[in-house]
N, C-alpha and C. Protein backbone atom coordinates (compact mmCIF):
# COMPACT_ATOMS: atom_id res chain seq x y z
N MET A 1 124.91 112.16 145.08
CA MET A 1 126.31 111.91 144.66
C MET A 1 126.59 112.90 143.94
N PRO A 2 127.90 113.70 144.44
CA PRO A 2 128.42 115.03 144.02
C PRO A 2 128.87 114.52 142.35
N ASP A 3 128.73 115.84 141.57
CA ASP A 3 129.04 115.74 140.14
C ASP A 3 130.58 115.58 139.94
N MET A 4 131.12 114.74 139.17
CA MET A 4 132.39 114.66 138.97
C MET A 4 132.70 114.74 137.50
N ARG A 5 133.82 115.55 137.19
CA ARG A 5 134.11 115.90 135.94
C ARG A 5 135.47 114.80 135.41
N PRO A 6 135.67 114.84 134.05
CA PRO A 6 136.52 113.85 133.79
C PRO A 6 137.87 114.08 134.36
N GLU A 7 138.39 115.32 134.47
CA GLU A 7 139.81 115.74 134.91
C GLU A 7 139.77 115.51 136.42
N ASP A 8 138.53 115.44 137.15
CA ASP A 8 138.71 114.73 138.72
C ASP A 8 138.72 113.44 138.94
N LEU A 9 138.82 112.57 137.71
CA LEU A 9 138.94 111.13 137.92
C LEU A 9 140.63 110.73 138.00
N THR A 10 140.54 109.97 138.75
CA THR A 10 142.13 109.39 138.69
C THR A 10 142.30 108.28 137.56
N PRO A 11 143.35 108.27 137.22
CA PRO A 11 143.81 107.32 136.05
C PRO A 11 143.26 105.66 136.16
N GLU A 12 142.96 105.30 137.37
CA GLU A 12 142.50 104.06 137.56
C GLU A 12 140.99 104.01 137.30
N GLN A 13 140.21 105.20 137.74
CA GLN A 13 138.90 105.33 137.61
C GLN A 13 138.44 105.42 136.27
N LEU A 14 139.37 106.32 135.53
CA LEU A 14 139.27 106.34 133.98
C LEU A 14 139.39 104.89 133.05
N SER A 15 140.40 104.34 133.67
CA SER A 15 140.42 102.92 132.92
C SER A 15 139.36 101.88 133.43
N GLN A 16 138.74 102.02 134.23
CA GLN A 16 137.67 101.33 134.97
C GLN A 16 136.19 101.58 133.92
N ALA A 17 136.26 102.80 133.98
CA ALA A 17 135.00 103.46 133.28
C ALA A 17 135.06 102.94 131.76
N TYR A 18 136.26 103.15 131.02
CA TYR A 18 136.20 102.66 129.75
C TYR A 18 136.20 101.11 129.55
N LYS A 19 136.51 100.48 130.40
CA LYS A 19 136.27 98.80 130.40
C LYS A 19 134.87 98.77 130.66
N GLU A 20 134.18 99.17 131.36
CA GLU A 20 132.65 99.07 131.59
C GLU A 20 131.96 99.40 130.13
N LEU A 21 132.26 100.76 129.50
CA LEU A 21 131.74 101.11 128.37
C LEU A 21 132.09 99.98 127.14
N ASP A 22 133.15 99.52 127.23
CA ASP A 22 133.57 98.67 126.17
C ASP A 22 132.77 97.39 126.15
N GLU A 23 132.46 96.81 127.55
CA GLU A 23 131.85 95.66 127.88
C GLU A 23 130.34 95.92 127.31
N ALA A 24 129.77 96.98 127.77
CA ALA A 24 128.32 97.43 127.51
C ALA A 24 128.38 97.37 125.76
N HIS A 25 129.11 97.93 125.12
CA HIS A 25 128.85 98.09 123.56
C HIS A 25 129.04 96.69 123.09
N ARG A 26 129.84 96.01 123.58
CA ARG A 26 129.95 94.49 123.04
C ARG A 26 128.54 93.63 123.13
N ALA A 27 128.08 93.82 124.59
CA ALA A 27 126.87 93.37 124.83
C ALA A 27 125.79 93.73 123.70
N LEU A 28 125.71 95.07 123.42
CA LEU A 28 124.60 95.45 122.64
C LEU A 28 125.00 94.95 121.19
N LYS A 29 126.07 94.70 120.76
CA LYS A 29 126.41 94.26 119.53
C LYS A 29 126.07 92.69 119.40
N ALA A 30 126.22 92.10 120.34
CA ALA A 30 125.61 90.58 120.40
C ALA A 30 124.36 90.51 120.08
N LYS A 31 123.77 91.36 120.75
CA LYS A 31 122.23 91.17 121.15
C LYS A 31 121.80 91.63 119.58
N HIS A 32 122.40 92.78 119.11
CA HIS A 32 121.82 93.04 117.53
C HIS A 32 122.14 91.81 116.55
N GLY A 33 123.48 91.08 116.72
CA GLY A 33 123.67 90.18 115.76
C GLY A 33 122.56 88.86 116.20
N GLU A 34 122.36 88.70 117.11
CA GLU A 34 120.97 87.38 117.48
C GLU A 34 120.01 87.98 116.69
N ALA A 35 119.50 89.06 117.06
CA ALA A 35 118.40 89.45 116.34
C ALA A 35 118.45 89.24 115.05
N GLY A 36 119.68 89.76 114.31
CA GLY A 36 119.42 89.70 112.81
C GLY A 36 119.48 88.19 112.42
N CYS A 37 120.24 87.44 112.92
CA CYS A 37 120.11 85.93 112.56
C CYS A 37 118.88 85.53 112.69
N ALA A 38 118.27 85.78 113.79
CA ALA A 38 116.65 85.37 113.76
C ALA A 38 115.62 85.74 112.79
N GLU A 39 115.99 87.06 112.22
CA GLU A 39 115.18 87.50 111.03
C GLU A 39 115.35 86.72 109.96
N THR A 40 116.85 86.35 109.82
CA THR A 40 117.04 85.64 108.33
C THR A 40 116.36 84.17 108.49
N GLU A 41 116.37 83.48 109.78
CA GLU A 41 116.00 82.41 109.88
C GLU A 41 114.58 82.50 109.60
N LYS A 42 113.66 83.53 109.51
CA LYS A 42 112.24 83.47 109.55
C LYS A 42 111.94 83.75 107.91
N THR A 43 112.80 84.30 107.06
CA THR A 43 112.72 84.56 105.89
C THR A 43 112.47 83.32 104.98
N PRO A 44 113.33 82.34 104.74
CA PRO A 44 112.78 81.32 103.94
C PRO A 44 111.51 80.86 103.75
N PRO A 45 110.86 80.52 104.92
CA PRO A 45 109.54 80.06 104.81
C PRO A 45 108.63 80.88 103.94
N ALA A 46 108.45 82.33 104.08
CA ALA A 46 107.66 83.34 103.68
C ALA A 46 108.14 82.98 101.99
N VAL A 47 109.39 83.04 101.70
CA VAL A 47 109.90 83.00 100.12
C VAL A 47 109.45 81.78 99.70
N SER A 48 109.17 80.46 100.31
CA SER A 48 108.83 79.23 99.84
C SER A 48 107.52 79.18 99.58
N MET A 49 106.54 80.08 100.21
CA MET A 49 105.29 80.09 99.92
C MET A 49 104.68 80.50 98.64
N LYS A 50 105.56 81.37 98.18
CA LYS A 50 105.24 82.29 96.85
C LYS A 50 104.87 81.46 95.72
N PRO A 51 105.61 80.45 95.56
CA PRO A 51 105.41 79.44 94.17
C PRO A 51 103.77 78.77 94.56
N GLY A 52 103.66 78.58 95.75
CA GLY A 52 102.02 77.58 96.07
C GLY A 52 101.25 78.83 95.66
N ALA A 53 101.29 79.89 95.86
CA ALA A 53 100.29 81.15 95.58
C ALA A 53 100.19 80.93 94.14
N SER A 54 101.45 81.19 93.47
CA SER A 54 100.89 81.53 92.05
C SER A 54 100.53 79.89 91.33
N LYS A 55 100.83 78.78 91.82
CA LYS A 55 100.01 77.85 91.03
C LYS A 55 98.53 77.84 91.64
N GLY A 56 98.08 77.95 92.65
CA GLY A 56 96.74 78.36 93.03
C GLY A 56 95.91 79.16 92.24
N ALA A 57 96.87 80.40 91.51
CA ALA A 57 95.95 81.11 90.68
C ALA A 57 95.41 80.52 89.24
N VAL A 58 96.34 79.42 89.01
CA VAL A 58 95.88 78.87 87.42
C VAL A 58 94.92 77.79 87.78
N ALA A 59 93.71 77.80 86.88
CA ALA A 59 92.89 76.83 87.01
C ALA A 59 93.34 75.38 86.77
N SER A 60 92.90 74.33 87.09
CA SER A 60 93.53 72.95 86.91
C SER A 60 92.71 72.58 85.59
N PRO A 61 93.14 71.43 84.93
CA PRO A 61 92.63 71.10 83.66
C PRO A 61 91.15 70.32 84.16
N GLN A 62 91.00 69.66 85.39
CA GLN A 62 89.86 69.25 85.69
C GLN A 62 88.50 70.25 85.93
N LYS A 63 89.10 71.55 86.30
CA LYS A 63 88.14 72.48 86.54
C LYS A 63 87.73 73.07 85.21
N LEU A 64 88.62 73.29 84.30
CA LEU A 64 88.27 73.76 83.09
C LEU A 64 87.36 72.61 82.25
N ALA A 65 87.68 71.49 82.50
CA ALA A 65 86.87 70.53 81.72
C ALA A 65 85.62 70.34 82.17
N LEU A 66 85.38 70.34 83.78
CA LEU A 66 84.12 70.63 84.26
C LEU A 66 82.99 71.94 83.79
N ILE A 67 84.01 73.15 83.99
CA ILE A 67 83.15 74.44 83.62
C ILE A 67 82.72 74.23 82.04
N GLY A 68 83.52 73.36 81.14
CA GLY A 68 83.20 73.37 79.69
C GLY A 68 82.08 72.23 79.76
N ALA A 69 81.84 71.23 80.42
CA ALA A 69 80.92 70.43 80.40
C ALA A 69 79.58 71.15 80.93
N LEU A 70 79.41 71.74 81.87
CA LEU A 70 78.23 72.53 82.26
C LEU A 70 77.98 73.65 81.37
N LEU A 71 78.67 74.20 80.53
CA LEU A 71 78.25 75.32 79.69
C LEU A 71 77.76 74.25 78.47
N LEU A 72 78.31 73.21 77.80
CA LEU A 72 77.64 72.53 77.01
C LEU A 72 76.37 71.91 77.45
N VAL A 73 76.22 71.44 78.61
CA VAL A 73 74.72 71.11 78.89
C VAL A 73 73.83 72.14 78.84
N LEU A 74 74.28 73.25 79.43
CA LEU A 74 73.35 74.58 79.62
C LEU A 74 73.08 74.85 77.96
N GLY A 75 74.17 74.92 76.92
CA GLY A 75 73.75 75.41 75.91
C GLY A 75 72.88 74.37 75.01
N PHE A 76 72.92 73.02 75.46
CA PHE A 76 72.10 71.85 74.77
C PHE A 76 70.88 72.36 74.88
N PHE A 77 70.13 72.76 75.97
CA PHE A 77 68.80 73.02 76.38
C PHE A 77 68.35 74.37 75.98
N VAL A 78 69.14 75.32 75.50
CA VAL A 78 69.00 76.53 74.84
C VAL A 78 68.84 76.52 73.50
N PRO A 79 67.98 77.37 72.74
CA PRO A 79 67.79 77.18 71.39
C PRO A 79 69.23 77.57 70.71
N TRP A 80 69.25 76.63 69.67
CA TRP A 80 70.52 76.82 68.73
C TRP A 80 70.25 77.68 67.65
N TYR A 81 69.03 78.01 67.28
CA TYR A 81 68.57 78.55 66.10
C TYR A 81 67.41 79.53 66.14
N HIS A 82 67.42 80.45 65.66
CA HIS A 82 66.05 81.25 65.65
C HIS A 82 65.75 81.85 64.34
N ILE A 83 64.66 81.53 63.88
CA ILE A 83 64.27 81.67 62.36
C ILE A 83 63.07 82.63 62.49
N ASN A 84 63.02 83.73 61.82
CA ASN A 84 61.91 84.79 61.87
C ASN A 84 61.34 84.58 60.54
N LEU A 85 60.12 83.80 60.39
CA LEU A 85 59.48 83.68 59.32
C LEU A 85 59.45 84.72 58.14
N LYS A 86 58.82 85.96 58.87
CA LYS A 86 58.53 87.17 57.98
C LYS A 86 59.65 87.76 57.44
N ALA A 87 60.90 87.56 58.29
CA ALA A 87 62.12 88.00 57.58
C ALA A 87 62.58 87.14 56.80
N GLU A 88 62.34 85.90 56.53
CA GLU A 88 62.86 85.14 55.66
C GLU A 88 61.93 85.30 54.43
N VAL A 89 60.64 85.38 54.66
CA VAL A 89 60.04 85.73 53.37
C VAL A 89 60.24 87.25 52.66
N ASP A 90 60.24 88.05 53.46
CA ASP A 90 60.73 89.32 52.81
C ASP A 90 62.33 89.11 52.05
N ARG A 91 63.10 88.45 52.58
CA ARG A 91 64.42 87.99 51.92
C ARG A 91 64.26 87.33 50.57
N ALA A 92 63.31 86.46 50.82
CA ALA A 92 63.21 85.50 49.58
C ALA A 92 62.33 86.00 48.32
N VAL A 93 61.20 86.94 48.93
CA VAL A 93 60.32 87.52 47.99
C VAL A 93 60.28 89.05 48.45
N PRO A 94 61.00 90.11 48.08
CA PRO A 94 61.09 91.30 48.33
C PRO A 94 59.68 92.06 48.22
N GLY A 95 58.95 91.74 47.08
CA GLY A 95 57.99 92.53 46.88
C GLY A 95 56.41 91.87 47.65
N PHE A 96 56.77 90.81 48.68
CA PHE A 96 55.47 90.19 49.07
C PHE A 96 54.94 91.17 50.02
N PRO A 97 53.53 91.11 50.15
CA PRO A 97 52.96 92.08 50.91
C PRO A 97 52.84 91.71 52.44
N SER A 98 53.44 92.69 53.42
CA SER A 98 53.89 92.42 54.67
C SER A 98 52.62 92.21 55.52
N HIS A 99 51.56 92.68 55.42
CA HIS A 99 50.22 92.48 56.18
C HIS A 99 50.08 90.87 56.02
N PHE A 100 50.32 90.15 55.08
CA PHE A 100 50.06 88.84 55.31
C PHE A 100 50.97 88.06 56.29
N LEU A 101 51.94 88.69 56.71
CA LEU A 101 52.99 87.95 57.56
C LEU A 101 53.02 88.80 58.87
N SER A 102 52.03 89.49 59.26
CA SER A 102 52.08 90.21 60.48
C SER A 102 51.99 89.46 61.75
N ASP A 103 51.44 88.06 61.53
CA ASP A 103 51.36 87.18 62.61
C ASP A 103 52.20 86.05 62.41
N ALA A 104 53.20 86.24 61.79
CA ALA A 104 54.24 84.92 61.34
C ALA A 104 55.18 84.74 62.65
N PRO A 105 55.12 83.39 62.82
CA PRO A 105 55.85 83.24 64.07
C PRO A 105 57.34 83.22 64.03
N THR A 106 58.07 83.15 65.06
CA THR A 106 59.63 82.73 65.05
C THR A 106 59.73 81.44 65.53
N ILE A 107 60.52 80.67 64.64
CA ILE A 107 60.90 79.22 64.99
C ILE A 107 61.92 79.16 65.76
N THR A 108 62.19 78.48 66.95
CA THR A 108 63.25 78.23 67.35
C THR A 108 63.83 76.52 67.31
N VAL A 109 64.98 76.22 67.20
CA VAL A 109 65.20 74.77 66.77
C VAL A 109 66.25 74.38 68.09
N SER A 110 66.02 73.34 68.94
CA SER A 110 67.26 73.25 69.96
C SER A 110 68.28 71.97 69.59
N ALA A 111 69.23 71.96 69.94
CA ALA A 111 70.07 70.79 69.79
C ALA A 111 69.50 69.53 69.32
N ALA A 112 68.24 69.23 70.39
CA ALA A 112 67.80 67.88 70.18
C ALA A 112 67.17 67.69 68.94
N HIS A 113 66.75 68.67 68.17
CA HIS A 113 65.85 68.57 67.17
C HIS A 113 66.71 68.83 65.80
N ILE A 114 68.10 68.94 65.70
CA ILE A 114 68.91 68.99 64.51
C ILE A 114 68.82 67.71 64.12
N GLN A 115 68.87 67.69 62.48
CA GLN A 115 68.62 66.65 61.69
C GLN A 115 69.92 65.80 61.75
N TYR A 116 69.66 64.31 61.59
CA TYR A 116 70.81 63.45 61.93
C TYR A 116 71.38 63.27 63.17
N GLY A 117 70.81 64.03 64.29
CA GLY A 117 71.19 63.77 65.66
C GLY A 117 72.63 64.28 65.83
N LEU A 118 72.91 65.40 65.15
CA LEU A 118 74.38 66.24 65.35
C LEU A 118 74.41 66.66 66.65
N GLY A 119 73.11 67.43 67.10
CA GLY A 119 73.21 67.97 68.27
C GLY A 119 73.54 67.04 69.47
N TRP A 120 72.94 65.84 69.49
CA TRP A 120 72.91 64.90 70.45
C TRP A 120 74.48 64.54 70.41
N LEU A 121 75.03 64.26 68.99
CA LEU A 121 76.57 63.85 68.96
C LEU A 121 77.27 64.79 69.63
N VAL A 122 77.09 66.07 69.14
CA VAL A 122 78.13 66.94 69.91
C VAL A 122 78.13 66.98 71.31
N LEU A 123 76.69 66.90 71.85
CA LEU A 123 76.57 66.58 73.38
C LEU A 123 77.39 65.56 74.14
N VAL A 124 77.15 64.19 73.31
CA VAL A 124 77.85 62.99 73.91
C VAL A 124 79.30 63.09 73.95
N LEU A 125 79.91 63.70 72.76
CA LEU A 125 81.23 63.68 72.39
C LEU A 125 81.87 64.40 73.50
N GLY A 126 81.24 65.64 73.92
CA GLY A 126 81.75 66.63 75.00
C GLY A 126 81.66 65.90 76.36
N LEU A 127 80.84 65.26 76.65
CA LEU A 127 80.49 64.89 77.94
C LEU A 127 81.42 63.65 78.08
N ALA A 128 81.88 62.94 76.90
CA ALA A 128 82.62 61.80 76.98
C ALA A 128 83.91 62.16 77.19
N ALA A 129 84.70 63.44 76.62
CA ALA A 129 85.72 64.02 76.85
C ALA A 129 85.90 64.26 78.10
N ALA A 130 84.99 64.78 78.87
CA ALA A 130 85.18 65.43 80.25
C ALA A 130 84.96 64.28 81.12
N ALA A 131 84.42 62.98 80.84
CA ALA A 131 84.59 61.95 81.75
C ALA A 131 85.61 60.99 81.46
N LEU A 132 86.51 61.02 80.76
CA LEU A 132 87.20 60.18 80.23
C LEU A 132 88.53 60.30 81.30
N PRO A 133 88.93 61.56 81.66
CA PRO A 133 90.05 61.36 82.65
C PRO A 133 89.82 60.76 84.06
N TYR A 134 88.50 60.61 84.25
CA TYR A 134 88.37 59.90 85.56
C TYR A 134 88.34 58.57 85.64
N PHE A 135 88.59 57.86 84.50
CA PHE A 135 88.43 56.38 84.25
C PHE A 135 89.76 56.05 84.88
N THR A 136 89.82 55.02 85.56
CA THR A 136 91.26 54.44 86.17
C THR A 136 91.34 52.92 85.38
N GLY A 137 92.56 52.54 85.77
CA GLY A 137 92.91 51.18 85.08
C GLY A 137 93.55 51.23 83.70
N ASN A 138 93.94 52.33 83.42
CA ASN A 138 94.32 52.15 81.71
C ASN A 138 95.99 51.91 81.87
N PRO A 139 96.35 51.09 81.26
CA PRO A 139 97.60 50.88 81.29
C PRO A 139 98.61 51.82 80.71
N GLN A 140 98.14 52.38 79.58
CA GLN A 140 98.93 53.50 79.20
C GLN A 140 98.15 55.04 79.27
N GLU A 141 99.01 55.67 80.12
CA GLU A 141 98.44 57.12 80.60
C GLU A 141 98.21 57.89 79.23
N GLN A 142 99.08 57.67 78.40
CA GLN A 142 98.92 58.52 77.23
C GLN A 142 98.10 58.48 76.28
N THR A 143 97.23 57.26 76.50
CA THR A 143 96.06 57.28 75.43
C THR A 143 94.78 58.11 75.77
N ARG A 144 94.67 58.27 77.26
CA ARG A 144 93.66 58.92 77.52
C ARG A 144 93.70 60.50 76.93
N PRO A 145 94.76 61.34 77.19
CA PRO A 145 94.77 62.70 76.52
C PRO A 145 94.26 62.73 75.14
N ARG A 146 94.98 61.59 74.44
CA ARG A 146 94.74 61.52 72.98
C ARG A 146 93.11 61.05 72.87
N ALA A 147 92.62 60.42 73.42
CA ALA A 147 91.28 59.78 73.35
C ALA A 147 90.34 61.42 73.57
N VAL A 148 90.82 61.82 74.62
CA VAL A 148 89.98 63.29 74.91
C VAL A 148 90.16 64.12 73.77
N LEU A 149 91.42 64.59 73.17
CA LEU A 149 91.40 65.53 72.08
C LEU A 149 90.55 65.06 70.88
N ALA A 150 90.68 63.59 70.76
CA ALA A 150 90.09 63.03 69.66
C ALA A 150 88.55 63.26 69.74
N CYS A 151 87.86 63.11 70.89
CA CYS A 151 86.58 63.66 71.02
C CYS A 151 85.92 64.93 70.93
N LEU A 152 86.99 65.73 71.37
CA LEU A 152 86.74 67.24 71.39
C LEU A 152 86.98 67.71 70.17
N GLY A 153 87.89 67.23 69.22
CA GLY A 153 88.10 67.52 67.71
C GLY A 153 86.88 67.08 67.11
N ALA A 154 86.63 65.95 67.12
CA ALA A 154 85.29 65.56 66.29
C ALA A 154 84.00 66.57 66.71
N GLY A 155 83.78 66.35 68.06
CA GLY A 155 82.53 67.37 68.40
C GLY A 155 82.91 68.74 68.02
N ALA A 156 83.96 69.43 68.04
CA ALA A 156 84.03 70.72 67.45
C ALA A 156 84.02 70.98 65.91
N ALA A 157 84.57 70.01 65.32
CA ALA A 157 84.40 69.96 63.86
C ALA A 157 82.49 69.89 63.43
N ILE A 158 81.93 69.17 64.13
CA ILE A 158 80.26 69.02 63.86
C ILE A 158 79.74 70.51 64.52
N LEU A 159 80.09 70.86 65.37
CA LEU A 159 79.76 72.21 66.02
C LEU A 159 80.05 73.42 65.07
N PHE A 160 81.20 73.56 64.63
CA PHE A 160 81.41 74.75 63.46
C PHE A 160 80.72 74.50 62.09
N TYR A 161 80.67 73.07 61.83
CA TYR A 161 79.87 72.77 60.75
C TYR A 161 78.28 73.20 60.94
N LEU A 162 77.76 73.06 61.87
CA LEU A 162 76.32 73.54 62.35
C LEU A 162 76.28 74.93 62.17
N MET A 163 77.38 75.85 62.74
CA MET A 163 77.42 77.17 62.87
C MET A 163 77.51 77.87 61.56
N ALA A 164 78.49 77.06 60.58
CA ALA A 164 78.80 77.69 59.39
C ALA A 164 77.55 77.24 58.32
N GLU A 165 76.81 76.38 58.65
CA GLU A 165 75.73 76.12 57.85
C GLU A 165 74.79 77.12 57.68
N ASP A 166 74.26 77.51 58.87
CA ASP A 166 73.41 78.44 58.85
C ASP A 166 73.70 79.77 59.82
N LEU A 167 74.65 80.54 59.54
CA LEU A 167 75.28 81.61 60.42
C LEU A 167 74.23 82.53 60.68
N ARG A 168 73.34 82.83 60.02
CA ARG A 168 72.48 84.02 60.06
C ARG A 168 71.41 83.52 61.34
N HIS A 169 71.33 82.37 61.47
CA HIS A 169 70.02 82.06 62.42
C HIS A 169 70.78 81.66 63.60
N VAL A 170 71.87 81.64 63.76
CA VAL A 170 72.62 81.05 64.93
C VAL A 170 72.30 81.72 66.43
N SER A 171 71.80 81.04 67.55
CA SER A 171 71.46 81.42 68.63
C SER A 171 72.14 81.39 69.72
N SER A 172 71.96 81.70 70.84
CA SER A 172 72.80 81.64 72.15
C SER A 172 73.32 80.08 72.51
N GLY A 173 72.22 79.16 72.42
CA GLY A 173 72.71 77.85 72.84
C GLY A 173 73.88 77.25 72.11
N ILE A 174 73.90 77.45 70.76
CA ILE A 174 75.37 76.90 70.02
C ILE A 174 76.55 77.74 70.50
N ILE A 175 76.47 79.12 70.65
CA ILE A 175 77.63 79.88 71.18
C ILE A 175 77.87 79.07 72.56
N LEU A 176 76.87 78.99 73.52
CA LEU A 176 77.22 78.32 74.84
C LEU A 176 78.21 77.07 74.63
N ALA A 177 77.48 76.26 73.73
CA ALA A 177 78.17 74.99 73.57
C ALA A 177 79.73 74.95 72.90
N ALA A 178 79.94 76.06 72.01
CA ALA A 178 81.25 76.50 71.52
C ALA A 178 82.09 77.13 72.57
N VAL A 179 81.51 77.89 73.56
CA VAL A 179 82.46 78.37 74.57
C VAL A 179 82.95 77.13 75.39
N GLY A 180 81.80 76.14 75.82
CA GLY A 180 82.31 75.22 76.61
C GLY A 180 83.25 74.11 75.90
N TYR A 181 83.11 73.78 74.64
CA TYR A 181 84.34 73.24 73.84
C TYR A 181 85.62 73.99 74.09
N GLY A 182 85.48 75.33 73.96
CA GLY A 182 86.79 75.83 74.18
C GLY A 182 87.40 75.67 75.43
N PHE A 183 86.39 75.67 76.64
CA PHE A 183 87.26 75.51 78.18
C PHE A 183 87.75 74.23 78.18
N GLN A 184 87.11 73.30 77.57
CA GLN A 184 87.39 71.67 77.63
C GLN A 184 88.84 71.49 76.67
N LEU A 185 88.91 72.10 75.59
CA LEU A 185 89.92 72.09 74.78
C LEU A 185 91.39 72.75 75.56
N ALA A 186 90.95 73.88 76.19
CA ALA A 186 91.93 74.46 77.08
C ALA A 186 92.59 73.45 77.88
N GLY A 187 91.61 72.78 78.75
CA GLY A 187 91.95 71.79 80.04
C GLY A 187 92.59 70.71 79.22
N ALA A 188 92.28 69.95 77.86
CA ALA A 188 93.08 68.94 77.64
C ALA A 188 94.40 69.33 77.18
N VAL A 189 94.54 70.56 76.59
CA VAL A 189 96.24 70.98 75.97
C VAL A 189 96.84 71.24 77.52
N GLN A 190 96.27 71.64 78.45
CA GLN A 190 97.12 72.02 79.67
C GLN A 190 97.30 70.60 80.37
N SER A 191 96.55 69.57 80.06
CA SER A 191 96.98 68.45 80.82
C SER A 191 97.90 67.57 80.05
N GLY A 192 97.55 67.44 78.60
CA GLY A 192 98.55 67.00 77.86
C GLY A 192 100.10 67.34 77.98
N SER A 193 100.47 68.78 78.04
CA SER A 193 101.47 69.36 78.49
C SER A 193 102.27 69.01 79.53
N GLY A 194 101.17 69.03 80.68
CA GLY A 194 101.83 68.44 82.01
C GLY A 194 102.14 67.03 81.98
N SER A 195 101.35 66.13 81.38
CA SER A 195 101.85 64.54 81.41
C SER A 195 102.95 64.56 80.51
N GLY A 196 103.42 65.30 79.46
CA GLY A 196 104.40 65.22 78.85
C GLY A 196 105.70 65.39 79.37
N ARG A 197 105.68 66.84 80.43
CA ARG A 197 106.83 66.92 81.17
C ARG A 197 107.02 66.19 82.32
N THR A 198 105.91 65.31 82.71
CA THR A 198 106.23 64.32 83.70
C THR A 198 106.86 63.08 83.14
N ALA A 199 106.45 62.66 81.94
CA ALA A 199 107.10 61.54 81.18
C ALA A 199 108.60 61.79 80.86
N ASP A 200 108.92 63.23 80.42
CA ASP A 200 110.34 63.51 80.31
C ASP A 200 111.25 63.30 81.61
């Protein structure tokens, strides 16, 4: 086909060429417009998934209570106090000959052997607080968070009393129990605030 320049075309041929270019331009604009609409329709589901992802990052009150109860049980079987007899005698009698105490043992006291059963009471109150949310048939839902907080408050008071009474001999067991109570208190506060918003 011989090459043709614009000045070689007749007015009718030029008009026909301009019409064809205009139709092709409109077709391209229509295609781009449909693609843009399709992309905007796909965007909302991706945005709606973001709140779900942020909710999953926060631990639920049940998980916090379970972690706290496990730490409490673990701490119950680990010694709560370590007492070094040699160090205690040196502290009480500074001039006492040390060779008499070279074989002095280190006494460990677990929660089960604390006087008045206070160690057992800390364990029972903590486990009761963890189990209360799973009980059903309560006519007043607000009473369960209050009962959980009451159990945790009483157990934490006993626990801190035991720590303050003999702070020098505190060992890892009582610390684990305190951390467990902290997890449970965080879960109880989170659950109470969530139920309060629901009631409103």
